[in-house]
Amino acid sequence: MQKIPTWIVVGLASASCVLALASCVTNESSSDSAGSAAVTGDAAVAAGRKIYLGRCTACHSPEPVLDYTLAEWRDLLPEMSADAKLNVTQEEHLMAFIESHF
């Protein structure tokens, strides 16, 4: 088996990192269908799930919700929501999804 030159490995790793980070910022407006309308109950949980599996996973793998306490999620969510460019309604839906696990 032929050894791959280090500069190729480093270049590919760098390119992968740039692409992964670039995917964190979306061109979607902050009023996408998963969070533009104020919804409650099961609809809010469903909208939050869509955000969790779509927007959150643009930057990282989905964290199992129960790996964190509800208090930890409440501390983490504002910063992560800002990173994902979520609007207030989307953040509320995401929290409804998280709270549905507790």
Protein backbone atom coordinates (compact mmCIF):
# COMPACT_ATOMS: atom_id res chain seq x y z
CA MET A 1 0.00 0.00 0.00
CA GLN A 2 1.32 3.42 -0.96
CA LYS A 3 1.80 6.07 1.74
CA ILE A 4 -0.11 9.32 1.18
CA PRO A 5 2.13 12.40 1.47
CA THR A 6 1.59 14.41 4.66
CA TRP A 7 0.84 17.62 2.77
CA ILE A 8 -2.12 15.94 1.04
CA VAL A 9 -3.50 14.63 4.33
CA VAL A 10 -3.13 18.04 5.97
CA GLY A 11 -4.70 19.77 2.97
CA LEU A 12 -7.68 17.44 2.92
CA ALA A 13 -8.15 17.77 6.68
CA SER A 14 -8.01 21.57 6.42
CA ALA A 15 -10.49 21.61 3.58
CA SER A 16 -12.85 19.36 5.56
CA CYS A 17 -12.67 21.70 8.56
CA VAL A 18 -13.39 24.75 6.42
CA LEU A 19 -16.38 23.05 4.80
CA ALA A 20 -17.71 21.87 8.15
CA LEU A 21 -17.46 25.35 9.66
CA ALA A 22 -18.93 26.98 6.59
CA SER A 23 -21.96 24.74 6.86
CA CYS A 24 -22.73 26.19 10.30
CA VAL A 25 -23.86 29.43 8.73
CA THR A 26 -26.84 28.97 6.50
CA ASN A 27 -28.24 31.27 3.87
CA GLU A 28 -31.73 30.58 5.14
CA SER A 29 -33.61 33.53 6.47
CA SER A 30 -34.31 33.39 10.15
CA SER A 31 -37.98 32.88 9.34
CA ASP A 32 -37.78 29.41 7.82
CA SER A 33 -40.72 27.03 7.99
CA ALA A 34 -39.51 25.34 11.17
CA GLY A 35 -39.91 28.44 13.23
CA SER A 36 -41.67 31.35 11.60
CA ALA A 37 -45.15 30.81 13.00
CA ALA A 38 -45.90 30.75 16.68
CA VAL A 39 -47.04 27.23 17.45
CA THR A 40 -47.59 25.43 20.72
CA GLY A 41 -47.76 21.93 22.13
CA ASP A 42 -47.00 19.04 19.81
CA ALA A 43 -46.51 21.37 16.85
CA ALA A 44 -43.81 23.32 18.73
CA VAL A 45 -42.08 20.07 19.70
CA ALA A 46 -42.21 18.88 16.06
CA ALA A 47 -40.84 22.22 14.83
CA GLY A 48 -38.09 22.04 17.47
CA ARG A 49 -37.19 18.50 16.41
CA LYS A 50 -36.86 19.68 12.82
CA ILE A 51 -34.53 22.49 13.93
CA TYR A 52 -32.54 20.11 16.17
CA LEU A 53 -32.00 17.59 13.38
CA GLY A 54 -31.44 20.20 10.67
CA ARG A 55 -29.84 23.38 11.90
CA CYS A 56 -27.99 21.98 14.94
CA THR A 57 -26.48 19.13 12.98
CA ALA A 58 -25.10 21.54 10.41
CA CYS A 59 -22.28 22.20 12.92
CA HIS A 60 -22.05 18.98 14.94
CA SER A 61 -23.56 15.56 15.39
CA PRO A 62 -26.85 15.49 17.26
CA GLU A 63 -26.17 15.30 20.98
CA PRO A 64 -28.51 12.88 22.73
CA VAL A 65 -30.83 15.22 24.61
CA LEU A 66 -30.55 13.26 27.85
CA ASP A 67 -26.74 13.55 27.87
CA TYR A 68 -27.36 16.95 29.48
CA THR A 69 -29.65 18.07 32.26
CA LEU A 70 -32.42 20.51 31.50
CA ALA A 71 -30.47 23.19 33.39
CA GLU A 72 -27.42 22.52 31.22
CA TRP A 73 -29.53 22.82 28.05
CA ARG A 74 -30.89 26.13 29.30
CA ASP A 75 -27.31 27.36 29.71
CA LEU A 76 -26.15 25.99 26.33
CA LEU A 77 -29.11 26.94 24.18
CA PRO A 78 -28.70 30.74 23.95
CA GLU A 79 -25.15 30.52 22.62
CA MET A 80 -25.90 27.64 20.27
CA SER A 81 -29.03 29.40 19.01
CA ALA A 82 -26.98 32.50 18.24
CA ASP A 83 -24.37 30.39 16.42
CA ALA A 84 -27.12 28.77 14.34
CA LYS A 85 -28.77 32.17 13.70
CA LEU A 86 -32.08 31.02 15.16
CA ASN A 87 -34.78 33.57 15.78
CA VAL A 88 -36.65 33.77 19.10
CA THR A 89 -39.51 31.55 17.91
CA GLN A 90 -37.12 28.89 16.61
CA GLU A 91 -35.25 28.92 19.93
CA GLU A 92 -38.57 28.48 21.77
CA HIS A 93 -39.48 25.53 19.53
CA LEU A 94 -36.06 23.99 20.08
CA MET A 95 -36.48 24.34 23.85
CA ALA A 96 -39.95 22.76 23.60
CA PHE A 97 -38.38 19.78 21.84
CA ILE A 98 -35.65 19.48 24.49
CA GLU A 99 -38.12 19.89 27.37
CA SER A 100 -40.30 17.14 25.88
CA HIS A 101 -37.59 14.66 26.87
CA PHE A 102 -37.75 15.51 30.59
